């Protein structure tokens, strides 16, 4: 399985910039319908807060940097691609060569972990 390296790299910044461009075309606080449909309201709020942290300046965001430090690479990849780059689950799985429905599980675990640790 592939994943994004848990570091601030040019690829990561490019993906986040693409996500920020997508979110500028939508309402503030917008999260993919697939995230809203599959997750609890608390997880959706956490996802939106992380997406907002990625959209401004991720390299200076305490939320982004703390998630980078505490999450394993696979969970961090799912979180950044879903919330930061605003990719759908199918796009994440294709991008990372993951099996079907694995992105949803990884994102759920990532959101739960950053909530549990008090990042957001």
PDB file of N, CA and C in Angstrom:
ATOM      1  N   UNK A   1       0.836  -1.184   0.000  1.00  0.00           N
ATOM      2  CA  UNK A   1       0.000   0.000   0.000  1.00  0.00           C
ATOM      3  C   UNK A   1       0.878   1.243   0.000  1.00  0.00           C
ATOM      4  N   UNK A   2       0.443   2.217  -0.758  1.00  0.00           N
ATOM      5  CA  UNK A   2       1.157   3.484  -0.777  1.00  0.00           C
ATOM      6  C   UNK A   2       0.532   4.427   0.237  1.00  0.00           C
ATOM      7  N   UNK A   3       1.275   5.446   0.592  1.00  0.00           N
ATOM      8  CA  UNK A   3       0.768   6.502   1.451  1.00  0.00           C
ATOM      9  C   UNK A   3       1.647   7.719   1.254  1.00  0.00           C
ATOM     10  N   UNK A   4       1.172   8.845   1.711  1.00  0.00           N
ATOM     11  CA  UNK A   4       1.970  10.068   1.676  1.00  0.00           C
ATOM     12  C   UNK A   4       2.947  10.031   2.841  1.00  0.00           C
ATOM     13  N   UNK A   5       4.150  10.442   2.601  1.00  0.00           N
ATOM     14  CA  UNK A   5       5.108  10.530   3.700  1.00  0.00           C
ATOM     15  C   UNK A   5       4.618  11.583   4.682  1.00  0.00           C
ATOM     16  N   UNK A   6       4.679  11.291   5.977  1.00  0.00           N
ATOM     17  CA  UNK A   6       4.211  12.276   6.964  1.00  0.00           C
ATOM     18  C   UNK A   6       5.226  13.400   7.145  1.00  0.00           C
ATOM     19  N   UNK A   7       5.339  14.208   6.126  1.00  0.00           N
ATOM     20  CA  UNK A   7       6.239  15.367   6.148  1.00  0.00           C
ATOM     21  C   UNK A   7       5.674  16.403   5.194  1.00  0.00           C
ATOM     22  N   UNK A   8       6.106  17.606   5.334  1.00  0.00           N
ATOM     23  CA  UNK A   8       5.654  18.667   4.444  1.00  0.00           C
ATOM     24  C   UNK A   8       6.535  18.632   3.206  1.00  0.00           C
ATOM     25  N   UNK A   9       5.965  18.090   2.135  1.00  0.00           N
ATOM     26  CA  UNK A   9       6.703  17.912   0.886  1.00  0.00           C
ATOM     27  C   UNK A   9       6.050  18.745  -0.216  1.00  0.00           C
ATOM     28  N   UNK A  10       6.747  18.926  -1.348  1.00  0.00           N
ATOM     29  CA  UNK A  10       6.132  19.667  -2.454  1.00  0.00           C
ATOM     30  C   UNK A  10       4.841  19.013  -2.951  1.00  0.00           C
ATOM     31  N   UNK A  11       4.795  17.671  -2.993  1.00  0.00           N
ATOM     32  CA  UNK A  11       3.575  16.986  -3.412  1.00  0.00           C
ATOM     33  C   UNK A  11       2.427  17.287  -2.454  1.00  0.00           C
ATOM     34  N   UNK A  12       2.694  17.233  -1.169  1.00  0.00           N
ATOM     35  CA  UNK A  12       1.666  17.512  -0.169  1.00  0.00           C
ATOM     36  C   UNK A  12       1.157  18.942  -0.311  1.00  0.00           C
ATOM     37  N   UNK A  13       2.038  19.895  -0.455  1.00  0.00           N
ATOM     38  CA  UNK A  13       1.622  21.294  -0.602  1.00  0.00           C
ATOM     39  C   UNK A  13       0.821  21.509  -1.881  1.00  0.00           C
ATOM     40  N   UNK A  14       1.195  20.808  -2.956  1.00  0.00           N
ATOM     41  CA  UNK A  14       0.447  20.913  -4.210  1.00  0.00           C
ATOM     42  C   UNK A  14      -0.968  20.357  -4.054  1.00  0.00           C
ATOM     43  N   UNK A  15      -1.092  19.199  -3.390  1.00  0.00           N
ATOM     44  CA  UNK A  15      -2.414  18.611  -3.155  1.00  0.00           C
ATOM     45  C   UNK A  15      -3.284  19.531  -2.299  1.00  0.00           C
ATOM     46  N   UNK A  16      -2.688  20.139  -1.275  1.00  0.00           N
ATOM     47  CA  UNK A  16      -3.443  21.044  -0.406  1.00  0.00           C
ATOM     48  C   UNK A  16      -3.863  22.305  -1.146  1.00  0.00           C
ATOM     49  N   UNK A  17      -3.021  22.792  -2.042  1.00  0.00           N
ATOM     50  CA  UNK A  17      -3.374  23.971  -2.837  1.00  0.00           C
ATOM     51  C   UNK A  17      -4.548  23.647  -3.760  1.00  0.00           C
ATOM     52  N   UNK A  18      -4.545  22.453  -4.349  1.00  0.00           N
ATOM     53  CA  UNK A  18      -5.670  22.039  -5.190  1.00  0.00           C
ATOM     54  C   UNK A  18      -6.949  21.962  -4.361  1.00  0.00           C
ATOM     55  N   UNK A  19      -6.837  21.438  -3.143  1.00  0.00           N
ATOM     56  CA  UNK A  19      -7.994  21.361  -2.253  1.00  0.00           C
ATOM     57  C   UNK A  19      -8.498  22.730  -1.853  1.00  0.00           C
ATOM     58  N   UNK A  20      -7.567  23.655  -1.599  1.00  0.00           N
ATOM     59  CA  UNK A  20      -7.964  25.018  -1.242  1.00  0.00           C
ATOM     60  C   UNK A  20      -8.689  25.689  -2.405  1.00  0.00           C
ATOM     61  N   UNK A  21      -8.220  25.430  -3.626  1.00  0.00           N
ATOM     62  CA  UNK A  21      -8.889  25.989  -4.799  1.00  0.00           C
ATOM     63  C   UNK A  21     -10.302  25.427  -4.923  1.00  0.00           C
ATOM     64  N   UNK A  22     -10.470  24.127  -4.646  1.00  0.00           N
ATOM     65  CA  UNK A  22     -11.810  23.524  -4.690  1.00  0.00           C
ATOM     66  C   UNK A  22     -12.711  24.151  -3.634  1.00  0.00           C
ATOM     67  N   UNK A  23     -12.177  24.344  -2.424  1.00  0.00           N
ATOM     68  CA  UNK A  23     -13.019  24.858  -1.339  1.00  0.00           C
ATOM     69  C   UNK A  23     -13.379  26.323  -1.544  1.00  0.00           C
ATOM     70  N   UNK A  24     -12.561  27.083  -2.255  1.00  0.00           N
ATOM     71  CA  UNK A  24     -12.895  28.482  -2.529  1.00  0.00           C
ATOM     72  C   UNK A  24     -14.126  28.588  -3.429  1.00  0.00           C
ATOM     73  N   UNK A  25     -14.386  27.527  -4.205  1.00  0.00           N
ATOM     74  CA  UNK A  25     -15.542  27.540  -5.094  1.00  0.00           C
ATOM     75  C   UNK A  25     -16.807  27.068  -4.390  1.00  0.00           C
ATOM     76  N   UNK A  26     -16.699  26.695  -3.123  1.00  0.00           N
ATOM     77  CA  UNK A  26     -17.849  26.186  -2.374  1.00  0.00           C
ATOM     78  C   UNK A  26     -18.094  27.057  -1.150  1.00  0.00           C
ATOM     79  N   UNK A  27     -19.166  26.757  -0.459  1.00  0.00           N
ATOM     80  CA  UNK A  27     -19.493  27.491   0.756  1.00  0.00           C
ATOM     81  C   UNK A  27     -18.481  27.185   1.850  1.00  0.00           C
ATOM     82  N   UNK A  28     -18.220  28.110   2.754  1.00  0.00           N
ATOM     83  CA  UNK A  28     -17.341  27.820   3.888  1.00  0.00           C
ATOM     84  C   UNK A  28     -17.903  26.661   4.709  1.00  0.00           C
ATOM     85  N   UNK A  29     -17.016  25.835   5.216  1.00  0.00           N
ATOM     86  CA  UNK A  29     -17.434  24.708   6.038  1.00  0.00           C
ATOM     87  C   UNK A  29     -17.974  23.546   5.239  1.00  0.00           C
ATOM     88  N   UNK A  30     -17.881  23.606   3.895  1.00  0.00           N
ATOM     89  CA  UNK A  30     -18.409  22.534   3.067  1.00  0.00           C
ATOM     90  C   UNK A  30     -17.529  21.295   3.186  1.00  0.00           C
ATOM     91  N   UNK A  31     -18.152  20.145   3.351  1.00  0.00           N
ATOM     92  CA  UNK A  31     -17.427  18.879   3.378  1.00  0.00           C
ATOM     93  C   UNK A  31     -18.089  17.961   2.363  1.00  0.00           C
ATOM     94  N   UNK A  32     -17.301  17.093   1.741  1.00  0.00           N
ATOM     95  CA  UNK A  32     -17.815  16.171   0.723  1.00  0.00           C
ATOM     96  C   UNK A  32     -19.085  15.481   1.214  1.00  0.00           C
ATOM     97  N   UNK A  33     -20.073  15.288   0.348  1.00  0.00           N
ATOM     98  CA  UNK A  33     -21.288  14.584   0.766  1.00  0.00           C
ATOM     99  C   UNK A  33     -20.997  13.190   1.321  1.00  0.00           C
ATOM    100  N   UNK A  34     -19.982  12.518   0.794  1.00  0.00           N
ATOM    101  CA  UNK A  34     -19.664  11.179   1.292  1.00  0.00           C
ATOM    102  C   UNK A  34     -19.210  11.233   2.751  1.00  0.00           C
ATOM    103  N   UNK A  35     -18.513  12.285   3.141  1.00  0.00           N
ATOM    104  CA  UNK A  35     -18.088  12.425   4.534  1.00  0.00           C
ATOM    105  C   UNK A  35     -19.299  12.727   5.407  1.00  0.00           C
ATOM    106  N   UNK A  36     -20.152  13.629   4.967  1.00  0.00           N
ATOM    107  CA  UNK A  36     -21.346  13.979   5.744  1.00  0.00           C
ATOM    108  C   UNK A  36     -22.270  12.774   5.918  1.00  0.00           C
ATOM    109  N   UNK A  37     -22.353  11.937   4.894  1.00  0.00           N
ATOM    110  CA  UNK A  37     -23.266  10.793   4.920  1.00  0.00           C
ATOM    111  C   UNK A  37     -22.774   9.672   5.835  1.00  0.00           C
ATOM    112  N   UNK A  38     -21.482   9.430   5.866  1.00  0.00           N
ATOM    113  CA  UNK A  38     -20.932   8.260   6.547  1.00  0.00           C
ATOM    114  C   UNK A  38     -20.444   8.502   7.971  1.00  0.00           C
ATOM    115  N   UNK A  39     -20.333   9.739   8.396  1.00  0.00           N
ATOM    116  CA  UNK A  39     -19.726  10.018   9.688  1.00  0.00           C
ATOM    117  C   UNK A  39     -20.674  10.764  10.618  1.00  0.00           C
ATOM    118  N   UNK A  40     -20.363  10.689  11.901  1.00  0.00           N
ATOM    119  CA  UNK A  40     -21.163  11.384  12.904  1.00  0.00           C
ATOM    120  C   UNK A  40     -20.962  12.893  12.772  1.00  0.00           C
ATOM    121  N   UNK A  41     -21.895  13.675  13.312  1.00  0.00           N
ATOM    122  CA  UNK A  41     -21.732  15.136  13.261  1.00  0.00           C
ATOM    123  C   UNK A  41     -20.420  15.610  13.900  1.00  0.00           C
ATOM    124  N   UNK A  42     -19.978  14.932  14.950  1.00  0.00           N
ATOM    125  CA  UNK A  42     -18.713  15.312  15.593  1.00  0.00           C
ATOM    126  C   UNK A  42     -17.544  15.096  14.644  1.00  0.00           C
ATOM    127  N   UNK A  43     -17.540  13.958  13.944  1.00  0.00           N
ATOM    128  CA  UNK A  43     -16.466  13.697  12.981  1.00  0.00           C
ATOM    129  C   UNK A  43     -16.512  14.683  11.819  1.00  0.00           C
ATOM    130  N   UNK A  44     -17.718  15.060  11.394  1.00  0.00           N
ATOM    131  CA  UNK A  44     -17.842  16.030  10.306  1.00  0.00           C
ATOM    132  C   UNK A  44     -17.290  17.381  10.749  1.00  0.00           C
ATOM    133  N   UNK A  45     -17.593  17.800  11.972  1.00  0.00           N
ATOM    134  CA  UNK A  45     -17.050  19.060  12.492  1.00  0.00           C
ATOM    135  C   UNK A  45     -15.526  19.013  12.557  1.00  0.00           C
ATOM    136  N   UNK A  46     -14.984  17.885  12.996  1.00  0.00           N
ATOM    137  CA  UNK A  46     -13.531  17.730  13.049  1.00  0.00           C
ATOM    138  C   UNK A  46     -12.930  17.801  11.649  1.00  0.00           C
ATOM    139  N   UNK A  47     -13.563  17.133  10.695  1.00  0.00           N
ATOM    140  CA  UNK A  47     -13.087  17.158   9.308  1.00  0.00           C
ATOM    141  C   UNK A  47     -13.114  18.580   8.751  1.00  0.00           C
ATOM    142  N   UNK A  48     -14.171  19.318   9.038  1.00  0.00           N
ATOM    143  CA  UNK A  48     -14.271  20.699   8.561  1.00  0.00           C
ATOM    144  C   UNK A  48     -13.207  21.584   9.201  1.00  0.00           C
ATOM    145  N   UNK A  49     -12.950  21.393  10.480  1.00  0.00           N
ATOM    146  CA  UNK A  49     -11.918  22.188  11.160  1.00  0.00           C
ATOM    147  C   UNK A  49     -10.543  21.882  10.577  1.00  0.00           C
ATOM    148  N   UNK A  50     -10.271  20.611  10.297  1.00  0.00           N
ATOM    149  CA  UNK A  50      -8.986  20.255   9.695  1.00  0.00           C
ATOM    150  C   UNK A  50      -8.881  20.824   8.279  1.00  0.00           C
ATOM    151  N   UNK A  51      -9.977  20.766   7.526  1.00  0.00           N
ATOM    152  CA  UNK A  51      -9.980  21.320   6.171  1.00  0.00           C
ATOM    153  C   UNK A  51      -9.707  22.820   6.200  1.00  0.00           C
ATOM    154  N   UNK A  52     -10.300  23.521   7.153  1.00  0.00           N
ATOM    155  CA  UNK A  52     -10.052  24.960   7.284  1.00  0.00           C
ATOM    156  C   UNK A  52      -8.590  25.233   7.635  1.00  0.00           C
ATOM    157  N   UNK A  53      -8.003  24.389   8.488  1.00  0.00           N
ATOM    158  CA  UNK A  53      -6.597  24.552   8.864  1.00  0.00           C
ATOM    159  C   UNK A  53      -5.688  24.331   7.659  1.00  0.00           C
ATOM    160  N   UNK A  54      -6.057  23.412   6.788  1.00  0.00           N
ATOM    161  CA  UNK A  54      -5.259  23.136   5.589  1.00  0.00           C
ATOM    162  C   UNK A  54      -5.385  24.244   4.556  1.00  0.00           C
ATOM    163  N   UNK A  55      -6.558  24.867   4.496  1.00  0.00           N
ATOM    164  CA  UNK A  55      -6.820  25.861   3.457  1.00  0.00           C
ATOM    165  C   UNK A  55      -6.056  27.154   3.671  1.00  0.00           C
ATOM    166  N   UNK A  56      -5.793  27.524   4.908  1.00  0.00           N
ATOM    167  CA  UNK A  56      -5.150  28.807   5.179  1.00  0.00           C
ATOM    168  C   UNK A  56      -3.662  28.728   4.890  1.00  0.00           C
ATOM    169  N   UNK A  57      -2.914  28.109   5.759  1.00  0.00           N
ATOM    170  CA  UNK A  57      -1.485  27.893   5.555  1.00  0.00           C
ATOM    171  C   UNK A  57      -1.079  26.692   6.401  1.00  0.00           C
ATOM    172  N   UNK A  58      -1.066  25.504   5.800  1.00  0.00           N
ATOM    173  CA  UNK A  58      -0.832  24.298   6.593  1.00  0.00           C
ATOM    174  C   UNK A  58       0.515  24.268   7.304  1.00  0.00           C
ATOM    175  N   UNK A  59       1.520  24.887   6.736  1.00  0.00           N
ATOM    176  CA  UNK A  59       2.845  24.827   7.357  1.00  0.00           C
ATOM    177  C   UNK A  59       2.925  25.629   8.647  1.00  0.00           C
ATOM    178  N   UNK A  60       1.943  26.506   8.875  1.00  0.00           N
ATOM    179  CA  UNK A  60       1.919  27.303  10.108  1.00  0.00           C
ATOM    180  C   UNK A  60       0.721  26.980  10.999  1.00  0.00           C
ATOM    181  N   UNK A  61      -0.088  26.020  10.595  1.00  0.00           N
ATOM    182  CA  UNK A  61      -1.283  25.673  11.353  1.00  0.00           C
ATOM    183  C   UNK A  61      -0.946  24.677  12.459  1.00  0.00           C
ATOM    184  N   UNK A  62      -1.217  25.025  13.721  1.00  0.00           N
ATOM    185  CA  UNK A  62      -0.935  24.088  14.805  1.00  0.00           C
ATOM    186  C   UNK A  62      -1.744  22.795  14.686  1.00  0.00           C
ATOM    187  N   UNK A  63      -2.967  22.889  14.170  1.00  0.00           N
ATOM    188  CA  UNK A  63      -3.797  21.694  13.990  1.00  0.00           C
ATOM    189  C   UNK A  63      -3.137  20.751  12.989  1.00  0.00           C
ATOM    190  N   UNK A  64      -2.730  21.292  11.852  1.00  0.00           N
ATOM    191  CA  UNK A  64      -2.099  20.485  10.812  1.00  0.00           C
ATOM    192  C   UNK A  64      -0.796  19.868  11.318  1.00  0.00           C
ATOM    193  N   UNK A  65       0.040  20.677  11.944  1.00  0.00           N
ATOM    194  CA  UNK A  65       1.345  20.194  12.403  1.00  0.00           C
ATOM    195  C   UNK A  65       1.209  19.140  13.505  1.00  0.00           C
ATOM    196  N   UNK A  66       0.232  19.295  14.384  1.00  0.00           N
ATOM    197  CA  UNK A  66       0.037  18.301  15.435  1.00  0.00           C
ATOM    198  C   UNK A  66      -0.489  16.990  14.852  1.00  0.00           C
ATOM    199  N   UNK A  67      -1.404  17.069  13.894  1.00  0.00           N
ATOM    200  CA  UNK A  67      -1.893  15.853  13.227  1.00  0.00           C
ATOM    201  C   UNK A  67      -0.748  15.156  12.503  1.00  0.00           C
ATOM    202  N   UNK A  68       0.110  15.935  11.880  1.00  0.00           N
ATOM    203  CA  UNK A  68       1.288  15.388  11.202  1.00  0.00           C
ATOM    204  C   UNK A  68       2.177  14.635  12.178  1.00  0.00           C
ATOM    205  N   UNK A  69       2.309  15.156  13.383  1.00  0.00           N
ATOM    206  CA  UNK A  69       3.203  14.547  14.381  1.00  0.00           C
ATOM    207  C   UNK A  69       2.614  13.286  15.016  1.00  0.00           C
ATOM    208  N   UNK A  70       1.299  13.214  15.192  1.00  0.00           N
ATOM    209  CA  UNK A  70       0.744  12.104  15.970  1.00  0.00           C
ATOM    210  C   UNK A  70       0.171  10.965  15.140  1.00  0.00           C
ATOM    211  N   UNK A  71      -0.218  11.234  13.892  1.00  0.00           N
ATOM    212  CA  UNK A  71      -0.873  10.182  13.113  1.00  0.00           C
ATOM    213  C   UNK A  71       0.138   9.339  12.332  1.00  0.00           C
ATOM    214  N   UNK A  72      -0.110   8.033  12.244  1.00  0.00           N
ATOM    215  CA  UNK A  72       0.713   7.201  11.354  1.00  0.00           C
ATOM    216  C   UNK A  72       0.500   7.640   9.899  1.00  0.00           C
ATOM    217  N   UNK A  73       1.413   7.256   9.041  1.00  0.00           N
ATOM    218  CA  UNK A  73       1.412   7.730   7.656  1.00  0.00           C
ATOM    219  C   UNK A  73       0.110   7.433   6.917  1.00  0.00           C
ATOM    220  N   UNK A  74      -0.443   6.250   7.066  1.00  0.00           N
ATOM    221  CA  UNK A  74      -1.672   5.902   6.354  1.00  0.00           C
ATOM    222  C   UNK A  74      -2.857   6.740   6.784  1.00  0.00           C
ATOM    223  N   UNK A  75      -3.001   6.942   8.089  1.00  0.00           N
ATOM    224  CA  UNK A  75      -4.114   7.752   8.589  1.00  0.00           C
ATOM    225  C   UNK A  75      -3.938   9.212   8.198  1.00  0.00           C
ATOM    226  N   UNK A  76      -2.705   9.704   8.278  1.00  0.00           N
ATOM    227  CA  UNK A  76      -2.431  11.077   7.878  1.00  0.00           C
ATOM    228  C   UNK A  76      -2.746  11.266   6.395  1.00  0.00           C
ATOM    229  N   UNK A  77      -2.392  10.286   5.570  1.00  0.00           N
ATOM    230  CA  UNK A  77      -2.676  10.357   4.131  1.00  0.00           C
ATOM    231  C   UNK A  77      -4.168  10.485   3.878  1.00  0.00           C
ATOM    232  N   UNK A  78      -4.960   9.634   4.532  1.00  0.00           N
ATOM    233  CA  UNK A  78      -6.410   9.675   4.342  1.00  0.00           C
ATOM    234  C   UNK A  78      -6.979  11.018   4.790  1.00  0.00           C
ATOM    235  N   UNK A  79      -6.514  11.515   5.924  1.00  0.00           N
ATOM    236  CA  UNK A  79      -7.003  12.782   6.461  1.00  0.00           C
ATOM    237  C   UNK A  79      -6.677  13.948   5.529  1.00  0.00           C
ATOM    238  N   UNK A  80      -5.446  14.008   5.061  1.00  0.00           N
ATOM    239  CA  UNK A  80      -5.025  15.119   4.198  1.00  0.00           C
ATOM    240  C   UNK A  80      -5.724  15.063   2.848  1.00  0.00           C
ATOM    241  N   UNK A  81      -5.828  13.868   2.274  1.00  0.00           N
ATOM    242  CA  UNK A  81      -6.451  13.771   0.955  1.00  0.00           C
ATOM    243  C   UNK A  81      -7.952  14.026   1.004  1.00  0.00           C
ATOM    244  N   UNK A  82      -8.620  13.564   2.055  1.00  0.00           N
ATOM    245  CA  UNK A  82     -10.070  13.776   2.149  1.00  0.00           C
ATOM    246  C   UNK A  82     -10.413  15.202   2.567  1.00  0.00           C
ATOM    247  N   UNK A  83      -9.741  15.706   3.584  1.00  0.00           N
ATOM    248  CA  UNK A  83     -10.096  17.026   4.130  1.00  0.00           C
ATOM    249  C   UNK A  83      -9.295  18.156   3.513  1.00  0.00           C
ATOM    250  N   UNK A  84      -8.017  17.938   3.289  1.00  0.00           N
ATOM    251  CA  UNK A  84      -7.170  18.998   2.743  1.00  0.00           C
ATOM    252  C   UNK A  84      -7.267  19.113   1.236  1.00  0.00           C
ATOM    253  N   UNK A  85      -7.116  17.977   0.533  1.00  0.00           N
ATOM    254  CA  UNK A  85      -7.161  17.988  -0.938  1.00  0.00           C
ATOM    255  C   UNK A  85      -8.583  17.818  -1.463  1.00  0.00           C
ATOM    256  N   UNK A  86      -9.546  17.559  -0.559  1.00  0.00           N
ATOM    257  CA  UNK A  86     -10.962  17.438  -0.902  1.00  0.00           C
ATOM    258  C   UNK A  86     -11.221  16.342  -1.944  1.00  0.00           C
ATOM    259  N   UNK A  87     -10.513  15.215  -1.814  1.00  0.00           N
ATOM    260  CA  UNK A  87     -10.738  14.078  -2.705  1.00  0.00           C
ATOM    261  C   UNK A  87     -11.874  13.212  -2.157  1.00  0.00           C
ATOM    262  N   UNK A  88     -12.590  12.565  -3.074  1.00  0.00           N
ATOM    263  CA  UNK A  88     -13.612  11.603  -2.681  1.00  0.00           C
ATOM    264  C   UNK A  88     -12.920  10.296  -2.295  1.00  0.00           C
ATOM    265  N   UNK A  89     -13.640   9.429  -1.588  1.00  0.00           N
ATOM    266  CA  UNK A  89     -13.046   8.179  -1.127  1.00  0.00           C
ATOM    267  C   UNK A  89     -12.475   7.357  -2.283  1.00  0.00           C
ATOM    268  N   UNK A  90     -13.214   7.268  -3.380  1.00  0.00           N
ATOM    269  CA  UNK A  90     -12.751   6.491  -4.522  1.00  0.00           C
ATOM    270  C   UNK A  90     -11.461   7.079  -5.112  1.00  0.00           C
ATOM    271  N   UNK A  91     -11.360   8.386  -5.136  1.00  0.00           N
ATOM    272  CA  UNK A  91     -10.161   9.048  -5.650  1.00  0.00           C
ATOM    273  C   UNK A  91      -8.952   8.767  -4.752  1.00  0.00           C
ATOM    274  N   UNK A  92      -9.183   8.780  -3.442  1.00  0.00           N
ATOM    275  CA  UNK A  92      -8.097   8.495  -2.500  1.00  0.00           C
ATOM    276  C   UNK A  92      -7.594   7.072  -2.701  1.00  0.00           C
ATOM    277  N   UNK A  93      -8.518   6.136  -2.791  1.00  0.00           N
ATOM    278  CA  UNK A  93      -8.138   4.726  -2.954  1.00  0.00           C
ATOM    279  C   UNK A  93      -7.383   4.504  -4.257  1.00  0.00           C
ATOM    280  N   UNK A  94      -7.796   5.169  -5.302  1.00  0.00           N
ATOM    281  CA  UNK A  94      -7.090   5.046  -6.582  1.00  0.00           C
ATOM    282  C   UNK A  94      -5.708   5.710  -6.500  1.00  0.00           C
ATOM    283  N   UNK A  95      -5.647   6.893  -5.911  1.00  0.00           N
ATOM    284  CA  UNK A  95      -4.393   7.635  -5.799  1.00  0.00           C
ATOM    285  C   UNK A  95      -3.346   6.855  -5.004  1.00  0.00           C
ATOM    286  N   UNK A  96      -3.796   6.192  -3.937  1.00  0.00           N
ATOM    287  CA  UNK A  96      -2.874   5.462  -3.054  1.00  0.00           C
ATOM    288  C   UNK A  96      -2.819   3.956  -3.325  1.00  0.00           C
ATOM    289  N   UNK A  97      -3.560   3.488  -4.332  1.00  0.00           N
ATOM    290  CA  UNK A  97      -3.642   2.045  -4.631  1.00  0.00           C
ATOM    291  C   UNK A  97      -4.132   1.252  -3.432  1.00  0.00           C
ATOM    292  N   UNK A  98      -5.141   1.766  -2.761  1.00  0.00           N
ATOM    293  CA  UNK A  98      -5.720   1.086  -1.601  1.00  0.00           C
ATOM    294  C   UNK A  98      -6.929   0.280  -2.056  1.00  0.00           C
ATOM    295  N   UNK A  99      -7.302  -0.753  -1.298  1.00  0.00           N
ATOM    296  CA  UNK A  99      -8.520  -1.502  -1.633  1.00  0.00           C
ATOM    297  C   UNK A  99      -9.778  -0.649  -1.425  1.00  0.00           C
ATOM    298  N   UNK A 100     -10.860  -1.094  -2.041  1.00  0.00           N
ATOM    299  CA  UNK A 100     -12.137  -0.382  -1.922  1.00  0.00           C
ATOM    300  C   UNK A 100     -12.560  -0.276  -0.462  1.00  0.00           C
ATOM    301  N   UNK A 101     -13.164   0.837  -0.133  1.00  0.00           N
ATOM    302  CA  UNK A 101     -13.703   1.153   1.196  1.00  0.00           C
ATOM    303  C   UNK A 101     -12.651   1.317   2.293  1.00  0.00           C
ATOM    304  N   UNK A 102     -11.390   1.285   1.947  1.00  0.00           N
ATOM    305  CA  UNK A 102     -10.356   1.448   2.976  1.00  0.00           C
ATOM    306  C   UNK A 102     -10.142   2.916   3.344  1.00  0.00           C
ATOM    307  N   UNK A 103     -10.371   3.825   2.419  1.00  0.00           N
ATOM    308  CA  UNK A 103     -10.178   5.249   2.711  1.00  0.00           C
ATOM    309  C   UNK A 103     -11.177   5.721   3.765  1.00  0.00           C
ATOM    310  N   UNK A 104     -12.409   5.234   3.675  1.00  0.00           N
ATOM    311  CA  UNK A 104     -13.430   5.617   4.653  1.00  0.00           C
ATOM    312  C   UNK A 104     -13.023   5.157   6.053  1.00  0.00           C
ATOM    313  N   UNK A 105     -12.536   3.932   6.154  1.00  0.00           N
ATOM    314  CA  UNK A 105     -12.103   3.404   7.449  1.00  0.00           C
ATOM    315  C   UNK A 105     -10.901   4.181   7.990  1.00  0.00           C
ATOM    316  N   UNK A 106      -9.920   4.440   7.129  1.00  0.00           N
ATOM    317  CA  UNK A 106      -8.728   5.177   7.566  1.00  0.00           C
ATOM    318  C   UNK A 106      -9.093   6.593   7.994  1.00  0.00           C
ATOM    319  N   UNK A 107      -9.990   7.252   7.263  1.00  0.00           N
ATOM    320  CA  UNK A 107     -10.398   8.611   7.633  1.00  0.00           C
ATOM    321  C   UNK A 107     -11.128   8.597   8.972  1.00  0.00           C
ATOM    322  N   UNK A 108     -11.991   7.630   9.165  1.00  0.00           N
ATOM    323  CA  UNK A 108     -12.712   7.530  10.443  1.00  0.00           C
ATOM    324  C   UNK A 108     -11.720   7.371  11.591  1.00  0.00           C
ATOM    325  N   UNK A 109     -10.733   6.508  11.429  1.00  0.00           N
ATOM    326  CA  UNK A 109      -9.731   6.304  12.488  1.00  0.00           C
ATOM    327  C   UNK A 109      -8.915   7.565  12.721  1.00  0.00           C
ATOM    328  N   UNK A 110      -8.558   8.280  11.652  1.00  0.00           N
ATOM    329  CA  UNK A 110      -7.776   9.509  11.792  1.00  0.00           C
ATOM    330  C   UNK A 110      -8.576  10.583  12.531  1.00  0.00           C
ATOM    331  N   UNK A 111      -9.832  10.765  12.159  1.00  0.00           N
ATOM    332  CA  UNK A 111     -10.669  11.775  12.815  1.00  0.00           C
ATOM    333  C   UNK A 111     -10.880  11.434  14.289  1.00  0.00           C
ATOM    334  N   UNK A 112     -11.115  10.160  14.561  1.00  0.00           N
ATOM    335  CA  UNK A 112     -11.298   9.726  15.950  1.00  0.00           C
ATOM    336  C   UNK A 112     -10.039   9.970  16.772  1.00  0.00           C
ATOM    337  N   UNK A 113      -8.881   9.690  16.193  1.00  0.00           N
ATOM    338  CA  UNK A 113      -7.623   9.855  16.915  1.00  0.00           C
ATOM    339  C   UNK A 113      -7.316  11.329  17.208  1.00  0.00           C
ATOM    340  N   UNK A 114      -7.537  12.208  16.241  1.00  0.00           N
ATOM    341  CA  UNK A 114      -7.230  13.620  16.526  1.00  0.00           C
ATOM    342  C   UNK A 114      -8.245  14.217  17.498  1.00  0.00           C
ATOM    343  N   UNK A 115      -9.470  13.683  17.508  1.00  0.00           N
ATOM    344  CA  UNK A 115     -10.444  14.104  18.537  1.00  0.00           C
ATOM    345  C   UNK A 115     -10.007  13.606  19.905  1.00  0.00           C
ATOM    346  N   UNK A 116      -9.616  12.330  19.975  1.00  0.00           N
ATOM    347  CA  UNK A 116      -9.237  11.714  21.241  1.00  0.00           C
ATOM    348  C   UNK A 116      -8.034  12.420  21.874  1.00  0.00           C
ATOM    349  N   UNK A 117      -7.113  12.857  21.026  1.00  0.00           N
ATOM    350  CA  UNK A 117      -5.909  13.521  21.514  1.00  0.00           C
ATOM    351  C   UNK A 117      -6.103  15.010  21.740  1.00  0.00           C
ATOM    352  N   UNK A 118      -7.275  15.527  21.419  1.00  0.00           N
ATOM    353  CA  UNK A 118      -7.563  16.933  21.673  1.00  0.00           C
ATOM    354  C   UNK A 118      -6.931  17.899  20.698  1.00  0.00           C
ATOM    355  N   UNK A 119      -6.605  17.424  19.500  1.00  0.00           N
ATOM    356  CA  UNK A 119      -6.013  18.315  18.488  1.00  0.00           C
ATOM    357  C   UNK A 119      -7.052  19.347  18.061  1.00  0.00           C
ATOM    358  N   UNK A 120      -8.286  18.899  17.916  1.00  0.00           N
ATOM    359  CA  UNK A 120      -9.384  19.786  17.497  1.00  0.00           C
ATOM    360  C   UNK A 120     -10.474  19.700  18.542  1.00  0.00           C
TER     361      UNK A 120
END
